Amino acid sequence: MPIVTIQITREGTTPEQKAALIKGATDLLANVLNKPPALTFVVIQEVEMENWGVDGLPAAEHRRQAAAKSSG
């Protein structure tokens, strides 16, 4: 019984996008590990932006810097 946890920032992910994540993770485990979809659980956890960091920076600051680099 696999359990997959997907953590994303809380920024308006639609129910349709979440359904696609659930289906995609379930299909991946079925195709790669032969796990039965009926026994595969997917949990989506939404994390507030201020609780998310990447590359040593809060996510919002990382995005600002990345946007500045791509436009500069």
N, C-alpha and C. Protein backbone atom coordinates (compact mmCIF):
# COMPACT_ATOMS: atom_id res chain seq x y z
N MET A 1 0.85 -1.18 0.00
CA MET A 1 0.00 0.00 0.00
C MET A 1 0.89 1.23 0.00
N PRO A 2 1.26 1.75 -1.15
CA PRO A 2 2.09 2.94 -1.20
C PRO A 2 1.28 4.20 -0.84
N ILE A 3 1.98 5.11 -0.19
CA ILE A 3 1.43 6.43 0.11
C ILE A 3 2.39 7.46 -0.47
N VAL A 4 1.89 8.32 -1.32
CA VAL A 4 2.69 9.37 -1.93
C VAL A 4 2.24 10.70 -1.35
N THR A 5 3.20 11.50 -0.89
CA THR A 5 2.88 12.83 -0.39
C THR A 5 3.50 13.85 -1.35
N ILE A 6 2.66 14.74 -1.84
CA ILE A 6 3.11 15.81 -2.73
C ILE A 6 2.94 17.12 -1.97
N GLN A 7 4.01 17.85 -1.80
CA GLN A 7 3.94 19.14 -1.14
C GLN A 7 4.11 20.24 -2.17
N ILE A 8 3.18 21.19 -2.15
CA ILE A 8 3.21 22.32 -3.07
C ILE A 8 2.92 23.59 -2.27
N THR A 9 3.31 24.73 -2.82
CA THR A 9 2.96 25.98 -2.16
C THR A 9 1.48 26.27 -2.39
N ARG A 10 0.90 26.93 -1.43
CA ARG A 10 -0.52 27.26 -1.49
C ARG A 10 -0.68 28.53 -2.32
N GLU A 11 -0.98 28.34 -3.60
CA GLU A 11 -1.06 29.49 -4.51
C GLU A 11 -2.16 29.33 -5.54
N GLY A 12 -3.24 28.73 -5.18
CA GLY A 12 -4.35 28.67 -6.11
C GLY A 12 -4.32 27.49 -7.05
N THR A 13 -3.74 26.39 -6.63
CA THR A 13 -3.80 25.18 -7.45
C THR A 13 -5.26 24.76 -7.58
N THR A 14 -5.69 24.51 -8.78
CA THR A 14 -7.09 24.18 -9.02
C THR A 14 -7.39 22.73 -8.66
N PRO A 15 -8.66 22.43 -8.41
CA PRO A 15 -9.03 21.03 -8.17
C PRO A 15 -8.66 20.12 -9.35
N GLU A 16 -8.75 20.65 -10.55
CA GLU A 16 -8.38 19.87 -11.73
C GLU A 16 -6.88 19.54 -11.75
N GLN A 17 -6.06 20.51 -11.35
CA GLN A 17 -4.62 20.27 -11.29
C GLN A 17 -4.30 19.24 -10.21
N LYS A 18 -4.98 19.34 -9.08
CA LYS A 18 -4.75 18.36 -8.01
C LYS A 18 -5.17 16.96 -8.46
N ALA A 19 -6.29 16.86 -9.16
CA ALA A 19 -6.74 15.57 -9.68
C ALA A 19 -5.71 14.99 -10.64
N ALA A 20 -5.10 15.86 -11.46
CA ALA A 20 -4.08 15.40 -12.40
C ALA A 20 -2.84 14.90 -11.66
N LEU A 21 -2.46 15.58 -10.58
CA LEU A 21 -1.33 15.12 -9.77
C LEU A 21 -1.63 13.74 -9.16
N ILE A 22 -2.81 13.58 -8.63
CA ILE A 22 -3.20 12.31 -8.02
C ILE A 22 -3.17 11.19 -9.06
N LYS A 23 -3.75 11.45 -10.23
CA LYS A 23 -3.78 10.44 -11.29
C LYS A 23 -2.36 10.14 -11.77
N GLY A 24 -1.56 11.17 -11.95
CA GLY A 24 -0.20 10.96 -12.44
C GLY A 24 0.66 10.16 -11.47
N ALA A 25 0.57 10.46 -10.19
CA ALA A 25 1.35 9.72 -9.19
C ALA A 25 0.88 8.27 -9.11
N THR A 26 -0.43 8.08 -9.16
CA THR A 26 -0.99 6.72 -9.12
C THR A 26 -0.54 5.92 -10.33
N ASP A 27 -0.63 6.52 -11.52
CA ASP A 27 -0.22 5.84 -12.75
C ASP A 27 1.27 5.51 -12.73
N LEU A 28 2.09 6.42 -12.21
CA LEU A 28 3.53 6.20 -12.13
C LEU A 28 3.85 4.97 -11.29
N LEU A 29 3.24 4.87 -10.12
CA LEU A 29 3.49 3.72 -9.26
C LEU A 29 2.97 2.43 -9.89
N ALA A 30 1.86 2.51 -10.58
CA ALA A 30 1.33 1.33 -11.27
C ALA A 30 2.27 0.89 -12.39
N ASN A 31 2.77 1.83 -13.16
CA ASN A 31 3.61 1.51 -14.31
C ASN A 31 5.02 1.09 -13.93
N VAL A 32 5.60 1.73 -12.92
CA VAL A 32 6.99 1.46 -12.57
C VAL A 32 7.13 0.32 -11.56
N LEU A 33 6.25 0.30 -10.58
CA LEU A 33 6.37 -0.68 -9.50
C LEU A 33 5.26 -1.73 -9.49
N ASN A 34 4.37 -1.66 -10.47
CA ASN A 34 3.24 -2.59 -10.55
C ASN A 34 2.36 -2.56 -9.30
N LYS A 35 2.18 -1.38 -8.73
CA LYS A 35 1.34 -1.23 -7.54
C LYS A 35 -0.11 -1.05 -7.98
N PRO A 36 -1.03 -1.71 -7.31
CA PRO A 36 -2.44 -1.57 -7.70
C PRO A 36 -2.98 -0.18 -7.36
N PRO A 37 -3.59 0.50 -8.32
CA PRO A 37 -4.14 1.83 -8.06
C PRO A 37 -5.12 1.87 -6.90
N ALA A 38 -5.88 0.80 -6.71
CA ALA A 38 -6.87 0.79 -5.63
C ALA A 38 -6.24 0.80 -4.25
N LEU A 39 -4.94 0.49 -4.18
CA LEU A 39 -4.23 0.49 -2.89
C LEU A 39 -3.18 1.59 -2.81
N THR A 40 -3.21 2.52 -3.75
CA THR A 40 -2.26 3.63 -3.78
C THR A 40 -2.94 4.89 -3.29
N PHE A 41 -2.35 5.50 -2.28
CA PHE A 41 -2.90 6.71 -1.68
C PHE A 41 -2.01 7.90 -2.00
N VAL A 42 -2.62 9.01 -2.37
CA VAL A 42 -1.89 10.24 -2.68
C VAL A 42 -2.43 11.35 -1.79
N VAL A 43 -1.51 12.03 -1.10
CA VAL A 43 -1.87 13.13 -0.22
C VAL A 43 -1.20 14.40 -0.76
N ILE A 44 -1.98 15.44 -0.94
CA ILE A 44 -1.43 16.73 -1.37
C ILE A 44 -1.45 17.65 -0.17
N GLN A 45 -0.27 18.14 0.19
CA GLN A 45 -0.15 19.09 1.29
C GLN A 45 0.21 20.45 0.71
N GLU A 46 -0.61 21.44 1.05
CA GLU A 46 -0.33 22.80 0.60
C GLU A 46 0.38 23.55 1.73
N VAL A 47 1.50 24.15 1.40
CA VAL A 47 2.34 24.83 2.36
C VAL A 47 2.29 26.33 2.08
N GLU A 48 2.14 27.12 3.11
CA GLU A 48 2.17 28.58 2.94
C GLU A 48 3.53 29.01 2.39
N MET A 49 3.53 30.01 1.54
CA MET A 49 4.77 30.49 0.91
C MET A 49 5.84 30.85 1.93
N GLU A 50 5.45 31.45 3.04
CA GLU A 50 6.45 31.85 4.02
C GLU A 50 7.09 30.66 4.74
N ASN A 51 6.54 29.46 4.53
CA ASN A 51 7.09 28.24 5.13
C ASN A 51 7.83 27.38 4.11
N TRP A 52 8.14 27.96 2.96
CA TRP A 52 8.78 27.22 1.86
C TRP A 52 10.05 27.93 1.48
N GLY A 53 11.12 27.20 1.28
CA GLY A 53 12.37 27.80 0.86
C GLY A 53 13.07 26.95 -0.17
N VAL A 54 13.91 27.58 -0.95
CA VAL A 54 14.70 26.88 -1.96
C VAL A 54 16.02 27.64 -2.16
N ASP A 55 17.08 26.91 -2.33
CA ASP A 55 18.40 27.51 -2.60
C ASP A 55 18.81 28.49 -1.50
N GLY A 56 18.41 28.18 -0.26
CA GLY A 56 18.79 29.02 0.87
C GLY A 56 17.97 30.28 1.04
N LEU A 57 16.90 30.42 0.28
CA LEU A 57 16.09 31.64 0.33
C LEU A 57 14.62 31.28 0.54
N PRO A 58 13.86 32.20 1.15
CA PRO A 58 12.41 32.01 1.15
C PRO A 58 11.93 31.97 -0.30
N ALA A 59 10.90 31.19 -0.56
CA ALA A 59 10.44 30.99 -1.93
C ALA A 59 10.13 32.29 -2.67
N ALA A 60 9.47 33.22 -1.99
CA ALA A 60 9.12 34.48 -2.65
C ALA A 60 10.38 35.23 -3.10
N GLU A 61 11.40 35.27 -2.26
CA GLU A 61 12.65 35.96 -2.61
C GLU A 61 13.37 35.23 -3.74
N HIS A 62 13.38 33.92 -3.69
CA HIS A 62 14.01 33.13 -4.75
C HIS A 62 13.34 33.42 -6.10
N ARG A 63 12.02 33.50 -6.08
CA ARG A 63 11.29 33.80 -7.32
C ARG A 63 11.59 35.21 -7.82
N ARG A 64 11.69 36.17 -6.88
CA ARG A 64 12.02 37.55 -7.29
C ARG A 64 13.39 37.60 -7.96
N GLN A 65 14.35 36.92 -7.35
CA GLN A 65 15.70 36.93 -7.91
C GLN A 65 15.74 36.22 -9.27
N ALA A 66 15.02 35.10 -9.37
CA ALA A 66 14.99 34.38 -10.65
C ALA A 66 14.34 35.23 -11.74
N ALA A 67 13.26 35.94 -11.39
CA ALA A 67 12.59 36.80 -12.36
C ALA A 67 13.50 37.95 -12.79
N ALA A 68 14.25 38.51 -11.84
CA ALA A 68 15.17 39.60 -12.17
C ALA A 68 16.26 39.12 -13.10
N LYS A 69 16.77 37.91 -12.89
CA LYS A 69 17.82 37.37 -13.75
C LYS A 69 17.30 37.11 -15.16
N SER A 70 16.07 36.60 -15.26
CA SER A 70 15.55 36.26 -16.59
C SER A 70 15.13 37.50 -17.38
N SER A 71 14.81 38.60 -16.69
CA SER A 71 14.43 39.81 -17.40
C SER A 71 15.59 40.76 -17.62
N GLY A 72 16.69 40.48 -16.94
CA GLY A 72 17.82 41.39 -16.97
C GLY A 72 18.81 41.11 -18.00
